[in-house]
N, C-alpha and C. Protein backbone atom coordinates (compact mmCIF):
# COMPACT_ATOMS: atom_id res chain seq x y z
N MET A 1 -26.63 -39.76 -11.79
CA MET A 1 -25.31 -40.36 -11.87
C MET A 1 -25.01 -40.85 -13.28
N THR A 2 -23.83 -40.59 -13.73
CA THR A 2 -23.44 -41.09 -15.04
C THR A 2 -22.86 -42.49 -14.89
N GLY A 3 -23.01 -43.28 -15.94
CA GLY A 3 -22.46 -44.62 -15.93
C GLY A 3 -21.03 -44.63 -16.44
N THR A 4 -20.57 -45.84 -16.73
CA THR A 4 -19.24 -46.03 -17.27
C THR A 4 -19.34 -46.83 -18.55
N ALA A 5 -18.61 -46.42 -19.56
CA ALA A 5 -18.69 -47.06 -20.87
C ALA A 5 -17.31 -47.54 -21.30
N THR A 6 -17.29 -48.26 -22.41
CA THR A 6 -16.06 -48.87 -22.92
C THR A 6 -15.27 -47.87 -23.75
N ARG A 7 -13.97 -47.88 -23.53
CA ARG A 7 -13.06 -47.11 -24.37
C ARG A 7 -12.37 -48.07 -25.35
N TYR A 8 -12.35 -47.70 -26.62
CA TYR A 8 -11.56 -48.39 -27.63
C TYR A 8 -10.41 -47.46 -28.02
N LEU A 9 -9.21 -47.89 -27.71
CA LEU A 9 -8.03 -47.08 -27.96
C LEU A 9 -7.29 -47.62 -29.18
N TYR A 10 -7.21 -46.82 -30.22
CA TYR A 10 -6.53 -47.18 -31.47
C TYR A 10 -5.15 -46.52 -31.45
N LEU A 11 -4.12 -47.34 -31.50
CA LEU A 11 -2.75 -46.86 -31.43
C LEU A 11 -2.05 -47.06 -32.77
N VAL A 12 -1.36 -46.03 -33.23
CA VAL A 12 -0.71 -46.07 -34.54
C VAL A 12 0.70 -45.51 -34.40
N ARG A 13 1.68 -46.27 -34.85
CA ARG A 13 3.00 -45.69 -35.01
C ARG A 13 3.00 -44.86 -36.30
N HIS A 14 3.68 -43.74 -36.28
CA HIS A 14 3.76 -42.86 -37.45
C HIS A 14 4.23 -43.61 -38.71
N GLY A 15 3.98 -43.02 -39.86
CA GLY A 15 4.46 -43.60 -41.12
C GLY A 15 5.97 -43.53 -41.24
N GLU A 16 6.48 -44.18 -42.27
CA GLU A 16 7.92 -44.21 -42.50
C GLU A 16 8.48 -42.79 -42.59
N ALA A 17 9.56 -42.54 -41.84
CA ALA A 17 10.13 -41.20 -41.75
C ALA A 17 11.34 -41.04 -42.67
N LEU A 18 11.59 -39.81 -43.07
CA LEU A 18 12.82 -39.48 -43.79
C LEU A 18 14.03 -39.75 -42.90
N PRO A 19 15.20 -39.93 -43.50
CA PRO A 19 16.40 -40.21 -42.68
C PRO A 19 16.67 -39.18 -41.59
N ASP A 20 16.35 -37.90 -41.84
CA ASP A 20 16.58 -36.88 -40.81
C ASP A 20 15.36 -36.68 -39.91
N GLU A 21 14.32 -37.50 -40.12
CA GLU A 21 13.10 -37.49 -39.30
C GLU A 21 12.36 -36.16 -39.36
N SER A 22 12.57 -35.38 -40.42
CA SER A 22 11.89 -34.10 -40.56
C SER A 22 10.48 -34.23 -41.11
N GLY A 23 10.09 -35.42 -41.48
CA GLY A 23 8.78 -35.66 -42.05
C GLY A 23 8.70 -37.08 -42.58
N LEU A 24 7.72 -37.33 -43.41
CA LEU A 24 7.48 -38.67 -43.94
C LEU A 24 8.06 -38.84 -45.33
N THR A 25 8.46 -40.05 -45.65
CA THR A 25 8.79 -40.41 -47.02
C THR A 25 7.51 -40.49 -47.83
N GLU A 26 7.65 -40.63 -49.13
CA GLU A 26 6.46 -40.83 -49.96
C GLU A 26 5.75 -42.11 -49.54
N GLY A 27 6.53 -43.15 -49.25
CA GLY A 27 5.92 -44.38 -48.75
C GLY A 27 5.19 -44.17 -47.44
N GLY A 28 5.77 -43.36 -46.55
CA GLY A 28 5.11 -43.07 -45.28
C GLY A 28 3.81 -42.33 -45.46
N ARG A 29 3.76 -41.45 -46.43
CA ARG A 29 2.51 -40.74 -46.72
C ARG A 29 1.46 -41.70 -47.25
N ARG A 30 1.86 -42.63 -48.08
CA ARG A 30 0.92 -43.63 -48.58
C ARG A 30 0.42 -44.52 -47.44
N GLN A 31 1.33 -44.90 -46.56
CA GLN A 31 0.93 -45.72 -45.41
C GLN A 31 -0.16 -45.02 -44.59
N ALA A 32 0.06 -43.74 -44.31
CA ALA A 32 -0.90 -42.99 -43.50
C ALA A 32 -2.25 -42.87 -44.20
N SER A 33 -2.21 -42.58 -45.48
CA SER A 33 -3.45 -42.43 -46.23
C SER A 33 -4.24 -43.74 -46.28
N LEU A 34 -3.55 -44.84 -46.49
CA LEU A 34 -4.22 -46.14 -46.53
C LEU A 34 -4.83 -46.50 -45.18
N LEU A 35 -4.14 -46.16 -44.11
CA LEU A 35 -4.72 -46.41 -42.80
C LEU A 35 -5.94 -45.54 -42.57
N GLY A 36 -5.88 -44.29 -43.01
CA GLY A 36 -7.05 -43.43 -42.90
C GLY A 36 -8.25 -44.00 -43.62
N GLN A 37 -8.01 -44.57 -44.80
CA GLN A 37 -9.11 -45.20 -45.54
C GLN A 37 -9.70 -46.38 -44.76
N ARG A 38 -8.83 -47.14 -44.12
CA ARG A 38 -9.31 -48.27 -43.33
C ARG A 38 -10.18 -47.82 -42.15
N LEU A 39 -9.82 -46.69 -41.55
CA LEU A 39 -10.48 -46.23 -40.32
C LEU A 39 -11.62 -45.25 -40.58
N ARG A 40 -11.97 -45.00 -41.82
CA ARG A 40 -12.87 -43.90 -42.13
C ARG A 40 -14.26 -44.04 -41.52
N ASP A 41 -14.70 -45.27 -41.22
CA ASP A 41 -16.04 -45.46 -40.68
C ASP A 41 -16.08 -45.63 -39.16
N VAL A 42 -14.92 -45.51 -38.51
CA VAL A 42 -14.89 -45.62 -37.05
C VAL A 42 -15.38 -44.29 -36.45
N PRO A 43 -16.29 -44.34 -35.47
CA PRO A 43 -16.84 -43.09 -34.91
C PRO A 43 -15.91 -42.45 -33.88
N PHE A 44 -14.75 -42.00 -34.32
CA PHE A 44 -13.78 -41.41 -33.40
C PHE A 44 -14.31 -40.11 -32.80
N THR A 45 -13.97 -39.90 -31.54
CA THR A 45 -14.28 -38.63 -30.89
C THR A 45 -13.06 -37.72 -30.85
N ALA A 46 -11.87 -38.30 -31.01
CA ALA A 46 -10.65 -37.50 -30.94
C ALA A 46 -9.51 -38.21 -31.65
N LEU A 47 -8.59 -37.41 -32.18
CA LEU A 47 -7.36 -37.92 -32.76
C LEU A 47 -6.21 -37.15 -32.10
N HIS A 48 -5.47 -37.84 -31.25
CA HIS A 48 -4.32 -37.25 -30.58
C HIS A 48 -3.06 -37.61 -31.35
N HIS A 49 -2.09 -36.72 -31.36
CA HIS A 49 -0.83 -37.06 -32.00
C HIS A 49 0.33 -36.40 -31.26
N GLY A 50 1.50 -37.00 -31.37
CA GLY A 50 2.70 -36.44 -30.76
C GLY A 50 3.14 -35.18 -31.48
N PRO A 51 4.04 -34.40 -30.86
CA PRO A 51 4.43 -33.10 -31.42
C PRO A 51 5.45 -33.15 -32.54
N LEU A 52 6.11 -34.29 -32.78
CA LEU A 52 7.15 -34.34 -33.79
C LEU A 52 6.53 -34.41 -35.20
N PRO A 53 7.25 -33.89 -36.21
CA PRO A 53 6.67 -33.79 -37.56
C PRO A 53 6.17 -35.11 -38.11
N ARG A 54 6.88 -36.21 -37.89
CA ARG A 54 6.45 -37.48 -38.48
C ARG A 54 5.12 -37.96 -37.90
N ALA A 55 4.86 -37.67 -36.63
CA ALA A 55 3.57 -38.03 -36.04
C ALA A 55 2.48 -37.07 -36.48
N GLU A 56 2.79 -35.77 -36.51
CA GLU A 56 1.79 -34.78 -36.92
C GLU A 56 1.37 -35.01 -38.37
N GLN A 57 2.32 -35.23 -39.27
CA GLN A 57 1.97 -35.44 -40.68
C GLN A 57 1.15 -36.72 -40.85
N THR A 58 1.50 -37.77 -40.13
CA THR A 58 0.72 -39.01 -40.20
C THR A 58 -0.71 -38.76 -39.75
N ALA A 59 -0.88 -38.04 -38.65
CA ALA A 59 -2.22 -37.77 -38.12
C ALA A 59 -3.05 -36.97 -39.11
N ARG A 60 -2.43 -35.97 -39.73
CA ARG A 60 -3.19 -35.13 -40.66
C ARG A 60 -3.62 -35.92 -41.90
N LEU A 61 -2.76 -36.81 -42.38
CA LEU A 61 -3.12 -37.62 -43.55
C LEU A 61 -4.22 -38.62 -43.20
N ILE A 62 -4.16 -39.19 -42.01
CA ILE A 62 -5.25 -40.06 -41.57
C ILE A 62 -6.53 -39.24 -41.43
N GLY A 63 -6.41 -38.07 -40.80
CA GLY A 63 -7.57 -37.24 -40.53
C GLY A 63 -8.32 -36.80 -41.77
N GLU A 64 -7.63 -36.73 -42.91
CA GLU A 64 -8.31 -36.36 -44.15
C GLU A 64 -9.40 -37.35 -44.53
N HIS A 65 -9.34 -38.56 -44.01
CA HIS A 65 -10.33 -39.58 -44.35
C HIS A 65 -11.39 -39.76 -43.27
N LEU A 66 -11.29 -39.02 -42.18
CA LEU A 66 -12.24 -39.16 -41.08
C LEU A 66 -13.28 -38.05 -41.14
N LYS A 67 -14.36 -38.25 -40.42
CA LYS A 67 -15.50 -37.32 -40.49
C LYS A 67 -15.50 -36.39 -39.28
N ASP A 68 -15.02 -35.17 -39.49
CA ASP A 68 -15.09 -34.11 -38.47
C ASP A 68 -14.49 -34.54 -37.14
N VAL A 69 -13.33 -35.18 -37.20
CA VAL A 69 -12.65 -35.59 -35.98
C VAL A 69 -11.58 -34.55 -35.66
N PRO A 70 -11.65 -33.92 -34.48
CA PRO A 70 -10.64 -32.91 -34.14
C PRO A 70 -9.28 -33.53 -33.88
N LEU A 71 -8.23 -32.86 -34.35
CA LEU A 71 -6.85 -33.28 -34.09
C LEU A 71 -6.29 -32.44 -32.95
N SER A 72 -5.59 -33.09 -32.04
CA SER A 72 -4.97 -32.36 -30.95
C SER A 72 -3.56 -32.87 -30.72
N VAL A 73 -2.61 -31.94 -30.62
CA VAL A 73 -1.23 -32.31 -30.35
C VAL A 73 -1.09 -32.55 -28.86
N CYS A 74 -0.30 -33.55 -28.50
CA CYS A 74 -0.25 -34.00 -27.11
C CYS A 74 1.15 -34.47 -26.79
N ASP A 75 1.80 -33.85 -25.79
CA ASP A 75 3.18 -34.22 -25.49
C ASP A 75 3.30 -35.64 -24.95
N VAL A 76 2.26 -36.16 -24.31
CA VAL A 76 2.36 -37.53 -23.79
C VAL A 76 2.32 -38.57 -24.90
N ALA A 77 1.95 -38.15 -26.12
CA ALA A 77 2.00 -39.04 -27.28
C ALA A 77 3.31 -38.90 -28.04
N GLY A 78 4.30 -38.30 -27.42
CA GLY A 78 5.58 -38.06 -28.08
C GLY A 78 6.50 -39.27 -28.06
N ASP A 79 7.74 -39.01 -28.45
CA ASP A 79 8.75 -40.07 -28.57
C ASP A 79 9.69 -40.00 -27.37
N TYR A 80 9.54 -40.94 -26.45
CA TYR A 80 10.35 -40.93 -25.24
C TYR A 80 10.43 -42.35 -24.67
N VAL A 81 11.41 -42.56 -23.81
CA VAL A 81 11.56 -43.85 -23.13
C VAL A 81 10.65 -43.85 -21.91
N PRO A 82 9.66 -44.75 -21.84
CA PRO A 82 8.68 -44.69 -20.77
C PRO A 82 9.15 -45.24 -19.43
N HIS A 83 10.15 -46.09 -19.46
CA HIS A 83 10.65 -46.68 -18.23
C HIS A 83 12.10 -47.11 -18.45
N MET A 84 12.96 -46.71 -17.53
CA MET A 84 14.38 -47.08 -17.61
C MET A 84 14.65 -48.23 -16.63
N PRO A 85 14.78 -49.44 -17.12
CA PRO A 85 14.99 -50.56 -16.20
C PRO A 85 16.41 -50.59 -15.64
N VAL A 86 16.53 -51.21 -14.49
CA VAL A 86 17.85 -51.52 -13.95
C VAL A 86 18.13 -52.99 -14.24
N ARG A 87 19.37 -53.37 -14.12
CA ARG A 87 19.76 -54.74 -14.51
C ARG A 87 18.94 -55.81 -13.80
N ASP A 88 18.66 -55.62 -12.53
CA ASP A 88 17.97 -56.66 -11.76
C ASP A 88 16.56 -56.93 -12.26
N GLU A 89 15.97 -55.98 -12.97
CA GLU A 89 14.62 -56.17 -13.53
C GLU A 89 14.63 -57.08 -14.75
N LEU A 90 15.73 -57.12 -15.45
CA LEU A 90 15.78 -57.72 -16.78
C LEU A 90 16.17 -59.19 -16.72
N PRO A 91 15.72 -59.98 -17.69
CA PRO A 91 16.18 -61.36 -17.78
C PRO A 91 17.70 -61.40 -17.97
N ALA A 92 18.36 -62.29 -17.27
CA ALA A 92 19.83 -62.32 -17.30
C ALA A 92 20.37 -62.45 -18.71
N GLU A 93 19.70 -63.24 -19.55
CA GLU A 93 20.24 -63.51 -20.88
C GLU A 93 20.13 -62.32 -21.84
N SER A 94 19.26 -61.36 -21.53
CA SER A 94 19.09 -60.21 -22.43
C SER A 94 19.41 -58.88 -21.77
N ALA A 95 19.85 -58.88 -20.53
CA ALA A 95 20.09 -57.62 -19.82
C ALA A 95 21.14 -56.77 -20.53
N ASP A 96 22.25 -57.37 -20.94
CA ASP A 96 23.30 -56.59 -21.60
C ASP A 96 22.80 -55.96 -22.89
N LEU A 97 22.03 -56.70 -23.66
CA LEU A 97 21.48 -56.19 -24.91
C LEU A 97 20.62 -54.96 -24.67
N PHE A 98 19.69 -55.06 -23.73
CA PHE A 98 18.77 -53.95 -23.48
C PHE A 98 19.50 -52.75 -22.87
N LEU A 99 20.42 -52.99 -21.97
CA LEU A 99 21.13 -51.88 -21.34
C LEU A 99 22.02 -51.15 -22.35
N ARG A 100 22.59 -51.88 -23.30
CA ARG A 100 23.36 -51.21 -24.37
C ARG A 100 22.43 -50.35 -25.23
N PHE A 101 21.27 -50.88 -25.52
CA PHE A 101 20.29 -50.16 -26.34
C PHE A 101 19.90 -48.83 -25.68
N LEU A 102 19.82 -48.82 -24.35
CA LEU A 102 19.36 -47.64 -23.63
C LEU A 102 20.50 -46.74 -23.15
N ALA A 103 21.73 -47.13 -23.41
CA ALA A 103 22.88 -46.42 -22.82
C ALA A 103 22.95 -44.97 -23.24
N ASP A 104 22.50 -44.63 -24.44
CA ASP A 104 22.65 -43.27 -24.94
C ASP A 104 21.43 -42.38 -24.70
N VAL A 105 20.46 -42.88 -23.93
CA VAL A 105 19.29 -42.05 -23.63
C VAL A 105 19.73 -40.85 -22.79
N PRO A 106 19.41 -39.63 -23.22
CA PRO A 106 19.85 -38.44 -22.47
C PRO A 106 19.27 -38.40 -21.07
N ASP A 107 19.98 -37.73 -20.17
CA ASP A 107 19.54 -37.63 -18.78
C ASP A 107 18.16 -37.00 -18.68
N GLU A 108 17.90 -35.98 -19.49
CA GLU A 108 16.60 -35.30 -19.44
C GLU A 108 15.46 -36.27 -19.76
N GLU A 109 15.67 -37.12 -20.77
CA GLU A 109 14.64 -38.08 -21.12
C GLU A 109 14.50 -39.16 -20.05
N ARG A 110 15.60 -39.56 -19.43
CA ARG A 110 15.53 -40.52 -18.33
C ARG A 110 14.66 -40.00 -17.19
N GLU A 111 14.70 -38.69 -16.98
CA GLU A 111 13.92 -38.09 -15.90
C GLU A 111 12.48 -37.82 -16.31
N GLN A 112 12.28 -37.33 -17.53
CA GLN A 112 10.94 -36.90 -17.95
C GLN A 112 10.10 -38.03 -18.54
N GLY A 113 10.75 -39.02 -19.16
CA GLY A 113 10.01 -40.08 -19.82
C GLY A 113 9.03 -40.81 -18.91
N PRO A 114 9.45 -41.29 -17.73
CA PRO A 114 8.51 -41.99 -16.86
C PRO A 114 7.31 -41.15 -16.43
N ALA A 115 7.52 -39.85 -16.22
CA ALA A 115 6.40 -38.99 -15.85
C ALA A 115 5.41 -38.86 -17.01
N LEU A 116 5.92 -38.70 -18.23
CA LEU A 116 5.05 -38.66 -19.40
C LEU A 116 4.30 -39.98 -19.56
N ALA A 117 4.98 -41.09 -19.30
CA ALA A 117 4.35 -42.40 -19.44
C ALA A 117 3.21 -42.57 -18.45
N ARG A 118 3.38 -42.09 -17.23
CA ARG A 118 2.29 -42.16 -16.25
C ARG A 118 1.11 -41.30 -16.69
N ARG A 119 1.41 -40.13 -17.24
CA ARG A 119 0.33 -39.28 -17.74
C ARG A 119 -0.39 -39.93 -18.90
N ALA A 120 0.34 -40.65 -19.75
CA ALA A 120 -0.29 -41.35 -20.88
C ALA A 120 -1.27 -42.40 -20.37
N LEU A 121 -0.90 -43.12 -19.32
CA LEU A 121 -1.82 -44.11 -18.75
C LEU A 121 -3.07 -43.43 -18.21
N ASP A 122 -2.90 -42.29 -17.55
CA ASP A 122 -4.06 -41.57 -17.01
C ASP A 122 -4.97 -41.06 -18.12
N MET A 123 -4.36 -40.61 -19.20
CA MET A 123 -5.12 -39.96 -20.26
C MET A 123 -5.79 -40.93 -21.22
N PHE A 124 -5.12 -42.05 -21.51
CA PHE A 124 -5.56 -42.89 -22.62
C PHE A 124 -6.15 -44.24 -22.22
N THR A 125 -6.03 -44.66 -20.97
CA THR A 125 -6.43 -46.02 -20.62
C THR A 125 -7.62 -46.02 -19.68
N GLY A 126 -8.28 -47.19 -19.61
CA GLY A 126 -9.41 -47.39 -18.70
C GLY A 126 -10.74 -47.05 -19.34
N PRO A 127 -11.83 -47.53 -18.74
CA PRO A 127 -13.18 -47.15 -19.21
C PRO A 127 -13.39 -45.65 -19.10
N VAL A 128 -14.48 -45.18 -19.70
CA VAL A 128 -14.76 -43.74 -19.73
C VAL A 128 -16.08 -43.45 -19.03
N ASP A 129 -16.19 -42.24 -18.51
CA ASP A 129 -17.44 -41.81 -17.89
C ASP A 129 -18.49 -41.57 -18.97
N GLY A 130 -19.72 -41.90 -18.66
CA GLY A 130 -20.81 -41.67 -19.61
C GLY A 130 -21.50 -42.95 -20.01
N GLU A 131 -22.46 -42.81 -20.91
CA GLU A 131 -23.27 -43.95 -21.35
C GLU A 131 -22.84 -44.50 -22.71
N GLU A 132 -22.03 -43.74 -23.43
CA GLU A 132 -21.67 -44.15 -24.79
C GLU A 132 -20.21 -44.59 -24.86
N ASP A 133 -19.98 -45.66 -25.61
CA ASP A 133 -18.60 -46.11 -25.84
C ASP A 133 -17.83 -45.02 -26.58
N ARG A 134 -16.52 -44.98 -26.34
CA ARG A 134 -15.68 -43.96 -26.94
C ARG A 134 -14.57 -44.61 -27.76
N HIS A 135 -14.35 -44.08 -28.95
CA HIS A 135 -13.26 -44.52 -29.83
C HIS A 135 -12.27 -43.37 -29.97
N GLU A 136 -11.02 -43.61 -29.58
CA GLU A 136 -9.99 -42.59 -29.63
C GLU A 136 -8.79 -43.11 -30.41
N LEU A 137 -8.18 -42.24 -31.19
CA LEU A 137 -7.03 -42.59 -32.01
C LEU A 137 -5.81 -41.80 -31.53
N VAL A 138 -4.70 -42.50 -31.33
CA VAL A 138 -3.46 -41.86 -30.91
C VAL A 138 -2.38 -42.21 -31.92
N VAL A 139 -1.83 -41.21 -32.59
CA VAL A 139 -0.73 -41.39 -33.53
C VAL A 139 0.55 -41.03 -32.78
N THR A 140 1.42 -42.01 -32.60
CA THR A 140 2.53 -41.83 -31.69
C THR A 140 3.77 -42.54 -32.23
N HIS A 141 4.54 -43.14 -31.33
CA HIS A 141 5.82 -43.75 -31.67
C HIS A 141 5.88 -45.15 -31.07
N ASN A 142 6.84 -45.91 -31.54
CA ASN A 142 6.95 -47.32 -31.18
C ASN A 142 6.98 -47.55 -29.67
N PHE A 143 7.75 -46.73 -28.94
CA PHE A 143 7.93 -46.98 -27.51
C PHE A 143 6.62 -46.85 -26.76
N LEU A 144 5.81 -45.83 -27.07
CA LEU A 144 4.56 -45.64 -26.33
C LEU A 144 3.56 -46.75 -26.65
N VAL A 145 3.51 -47.18 -27.91
CA VAL A 145 2.61 -48.30 -28.23
C VAL A 145 3.00 -49.51 -27.39
N GLY A 146 4.30 -49.82 -27.34
CA GLY A 146 4.75 -50.94 -26.54
C GLY A 146 4.42 -50.78 -25.07
N TRP A 147 4.56 -49.57 -24.55
CA TRP A 147 4.27 -49.29 -23.15
C TRP A 147 2.79 -49.55 -22.83
N LEU A 148 1.90 -49.09 -23.70
CA LEU A 148 0.47 -49.26 -23.45
C LEU A 148 0.03 -50.71 -23.63
N VAL A 149 0.61 -51.43 -24.58
CA VAL A 149 0.32 -52.86 -24.72
C VAL A 149 0.81 -53.60 -23.48
N ARG A 150 2.00 -53.27 -23.03
CA ARG A 150 2.55 -53.91 -21.82
C ARG A 150 1.62 -53.71 -20.63
N GLU A 151 1.13 -52.48 -20.47
CA GLU A 151 0.22 -52.18 -19.36
C GLU A 151 -1.06 -52.99 -19.47
N ALA A 152 -1.61 -53.08 -20.68
CA ALA A 152 -2.85 -53.83 -20.88
C ALA A 152 -2.69 -55.30 -20.52
N MET A 153 -1.50 -55.84 -20.73
CA MET A 153 -1.22 -57.24 -20.45
C MET A 153 -0.71 -57.47 -19.02
N HIS A 154 -0.63 -56.41 -18.22
CA HIS A 154 -0.10 -56.50 -16.84
C HIS A 154 1.29 -57.12 -16.82
N ALA A 155 2.08 -56.79 -17.81
CA ALA A 155 3.46 -57.29 -17.88
C ALA A 155 4.37 -56.37 -17.07
N PRO A 156 5.56 -56.84 -16.71
CA PRO A 156 6.51 -55.99 -15.97
C PRO A 156 6.81 -54.71 -16.74
N LYS A 157 7.20 -53.67 -16.02
CA LYS A 157 7.42 -52.37 -16.63
C LYS A 157 8.48 -52.40 -17.73
N TRP A 158 9.49 -53.24 -17.58
CA TRP A 158 10.56 -53.26 -18.58
C TRP A 158 10.10 -53.85 -19.90
N ARG A 159 8.93 -54.50 -19.92
CA ARG A 159 8.56 -55.30 -21.09
C ARG A 159 8.07 -54.49 -22.28
N TRP A 160 8.07 -53.15 -22.14
CA TRP A 160 7.84 -52.36 -23.36
C TRP A 160 8.97 -52.59 -24.35
N LEU A 161 10.13 -52.96 -23.84
CA LEU A 161 11.26 -53.31 -24.69
C LEU A 161 10.94 -54.59 -25.46
N GLY A 162 11.23 -54.57 -26.74
CA GLY A 162 11.01 -55.76 -27.55
C GLY A 162 9.62 -55.87 -28.14
N LEU A 163 8.73 -54.93 -27.81
CA LEU A 163 7.41 -54.89 -28.44
C LEU A 163 7.48 -53.88 -29.58
N ASN A 164 7.76 -54.38 -30.77
CA ASN A 164 8.04 -53.51 -31.91
C ASN A 164 6.85 -53.44 -32.86
N HIS A 165 6.63 -52.27 -33.42
CA HIS A 165 5.45 -52.03 -34.26
C HIS A 165 5.87 -51.37 -35.56
N GLY A 166 5.25 -51.80 -36.64
CA GLY A 166 5.56 -51.28 -37.96
C GLY A 166 5.00 -49.89 -38.17
N ASN A 167 5.55 -49.19 -39.13
CA ASN A 167 5.03 -47.88 -39.50
C ASN A 167 3.59 -48.00 -39.97
N ALA A 168 2.72 -47.17 -39.41
CA ALA A 168 1.30 -47.13 -39.76
C ALA A 168 0.59 -48.45 -39.48
N ALA A 169 1.18 -49.28 -38.61
CA ALA A 169 0.49 -50.48 -38.16
C ALA A 169 -0.54 -50.09 -37.09
N LEU A 170 -1.56 -50.92 -36.94
CA LEU A 170 -2.68 -50.61 -36.05
C LEU A 170 -2.72 -51.57 -34.87
N THR A 171 -2.85 -51.01 -33.67
CA THR A 171 -3.07 -51.78 -32.45
C THR A 171 -4.32 -51.22 -31.78
N VAL A 172 -5.21 -52.09 -31.31
CA VAL A 172 -6.45 -51.65 -30.68
C VAL A 172 -6.59 -52.34 -29.32
N ILE A 173 -6.82 -51.54 -28.28
CA ILE A 173 -7.03 -52.06 -26.94
C ILE A 173 -8.43 -51.64 -26.47
N ARG A 174 -9.15 -52.61 -25.89
CA ARG A 174 -10.49 -52.32 -25.35
C ARG A 174 -10.43 -52.28 -23.83
N TYR A 175 -11.01 -51.23 -23.27
CA TYR A 175 -11.11 -51.09 -21.82
C TYR A 175 -12.60 -51.07 -21.46
N ALA A 176 -13.12 -52.23 -21.09
CA ALA A 176 -14.54 -52.36 -20.76
C ALA A 176 -14.74 -52.32 -19.25
N PRO A 177 -15.82 -51.73 -18.77
CA PRO A 177 -16.07 -51.69 -17.32
C PRO A 177 -16.13 -53.10 -16.73
N GLY A 178 -15.44 -53.28 -15.62
CA GLY A 178 -15.50 -54.55 -14.92
C GLY A 178 -14.74 -55.69 -15.56
N ARG A 179 -13.93 -55.37 -16.57
CA ARG A 179 -13.15 -56.41 -17.26
C ARG A 179 -11.71 -55.97 -17.39
N PRO A 180 -10.79 -56.92 -17.49
CA PRO A 180 -9.40 -56.52 -17.76
C PRO A 180 -9.27 -55.96 -19.18
N ALA A 181 -8.27 -55.14 -19.38
CA ALA A 181 -8.01 -54.62 -20.73
C ALA A 181 -7.78 -55.77 -21.69
N CYS A 182 -8.19 -55.58 -22.94
CA CYS A 182 -8.07 -56.64 -23.95
C CYS A 182 -7.42 -56.07 -25.21
N VAL A 183 -6.32 -56.65 -25.62
CA VAL A 183 -5.66 -56.25 -26.87
C VAL A 183 -6.39 -56.95 -28.02
N LEU A 184 -7.20 -56.22 -28.75
CA LEU A 184 -8.01 -56.80 -29.82
C LEU A 184 -7.20 -57.03 -31.09
N VAL A 185 -6.30 -56.09 -31.39
CA VAL A 185 -5.50 -56.15 -32.60
C VAL A 185 -4.11 -55.63 -32.24
N SER A 186 -3.08 -56.26 -32.77
CA SER A 186 -1.71 -55.81 -32.47
C SER A 186 -0.87 -55.81 -33.74
N ASN A 187 -0.25 -54.66 -34.02
CA ASN A 187 0.69 -54.53 -35.14
C ASN A 187 0.07 -55.01 -36.46
N ASP A 188 -1.18 -54.66 -36.69
CA ASP A 188 -1.92 -55.11 -37.86
C ASP A 188 -1.60 -54.22 -39.06
N MET A 189 -1.13 -54.84 -40.15
CA MET A 189 -0.75 -54.09 -41.35
C MET A 189 -1.57 -54.50 -42.57
N ARG A 190 -2.73 -55.08 -42.35
CA ARG A 190 -3.48 -55.63 -43.49
C ARG A 190 -3.92 -54.57 -44.50
N HIS A 191 -3.96 -53.30 -44.07
CA HIS A 191 -4.34 -52.21 -44.96
C HIS A 191 -3.20 -51.78 -45.88
N LEU A 192 -2.00 -52.32 -45.66
CA LEU A 192 -0.83 -51.93 -46.44
C LEU A 192 -0.46 -53.01 -47.45
N PRO A 193 -0.08 -52.62 -48.67
CA PRO A 193 0.44 -53.61 -49.61
C PRO A 193 1.79 -54.12 -49.12
N ALA A 194 2.22 -55.25 -49.66
CA ALA A 194 3.43 -55.92 -49.16
C ALA A 194 4.64 -54.99 -49.14
N GLU A 195 4.78 -54.13 -50.14
CA GLU A 195 5.98 -53.30 -50.22
C GLU A 195 6.00 -52.19 -49.17
N LEU A 196 4.87 -51.93 -48.52
CA LEU A 196 4.81 -50.90 -47.48
C LEU A 196 4.74 -51.47 -46.07
N ARG A 197 4.86 -52.77 -45.94
CA ARG A 197 4.85 -53.38 -44.62
C ARG A 197 6.27 -53.54 -44.09
N TRP A 198 6.40 -53.48 -42.77
CA TRP A 198 7.67 -53.76 -42.10
C TRP A 198 8.78 -52.78 -42.50
N THR A 199 8.42 -51.57 -42.90
CA THR A 199 9.46 -50.60 -43.21
C THR A 199 10.28 -50.32 -41.94
N GLY A 200 11.58 -50.24 -42.12
CA GLY A 200 12.47 -49.97 -41.00
C GLY A 200 12.91 -51.19 -40.25
N PHE A 201 12.40 -52.37 -40.60
CA PHE A 201 12.78 -53.61 -39.94
C PHE A 201 13.71 -54.41 -40.84
N PRO A 202 14.67 -55.12 -40.26
CA PRO A 202 15.54 -55.97 -41.09
C PRO A 202 14.74 -57.10 -41.73
N PRO A 203 15.19 -57.61 -42.87
CA PRO A 203 14.41 -58.60 -43.62
C PRO A 203 14.03 -59.84 -42.81
N GLU A 204 14.87 -60.25 -41.88
CA GLU A 204 14.57 -61.48 -41.14
C GLU A 204 13.36 -61.32 -40.22
N LEU A 205 12.93 -60.08 -39.98
CA LEU A 205 11.75 -59.85 -39.13
C LEU A 205 10.49 -59.63 -39.93
N HIS A 206 10.56 -59.66 -41.24
CA HIS A 206 9.37 -59.49 -42.06
C HIS A 206 8.55 -60.79 -42.04
N ILE A 207 7.31 -60.67 -41.62
CA ILE A 207 6.46 -61.85 -41.46
C ILE A 207 5.39 -61.85 -42.55
């Protein structure tokens, strides 16, 4: 019989994207490279990334600093809305804000997003079979990072909303056998110089 070991899930939002989202800015490339340098000694077994160019380019730049870690494209690591709340789920004081934010989500994404989100939970969360701990890296988008953090905290499904992550910021969740999930690090940008932190966020949110 095989045992069960701990999974360490490293979640990364892609680097800063060009206005047309066709790839990364020069700053985004620097962000990805600096994060790769930070992670170079982690014994990763896999690097998953979403199919869009900004996630793929970020993953490849990080991967240049890792030791023989295979890269794999994964649709569940893509950019989608993981859960579409209804008004009754939301706090009364913020329901209008969130519903306006989600109003333009296409019907196809409304239908497919929750299914992808369930697959992401199956694929990326929980302890792993075997005797050795596993370290996995997922380069994805803001919504999925928020969704997985929400799940780790046993928060309501709508609470992926408002969990915002910087470009090339690092979040780490530990899934140990017999223990609840633990968010070890969240939205950590210490590997980035000040001018590369909080890209895409208004100045009042820069901490």
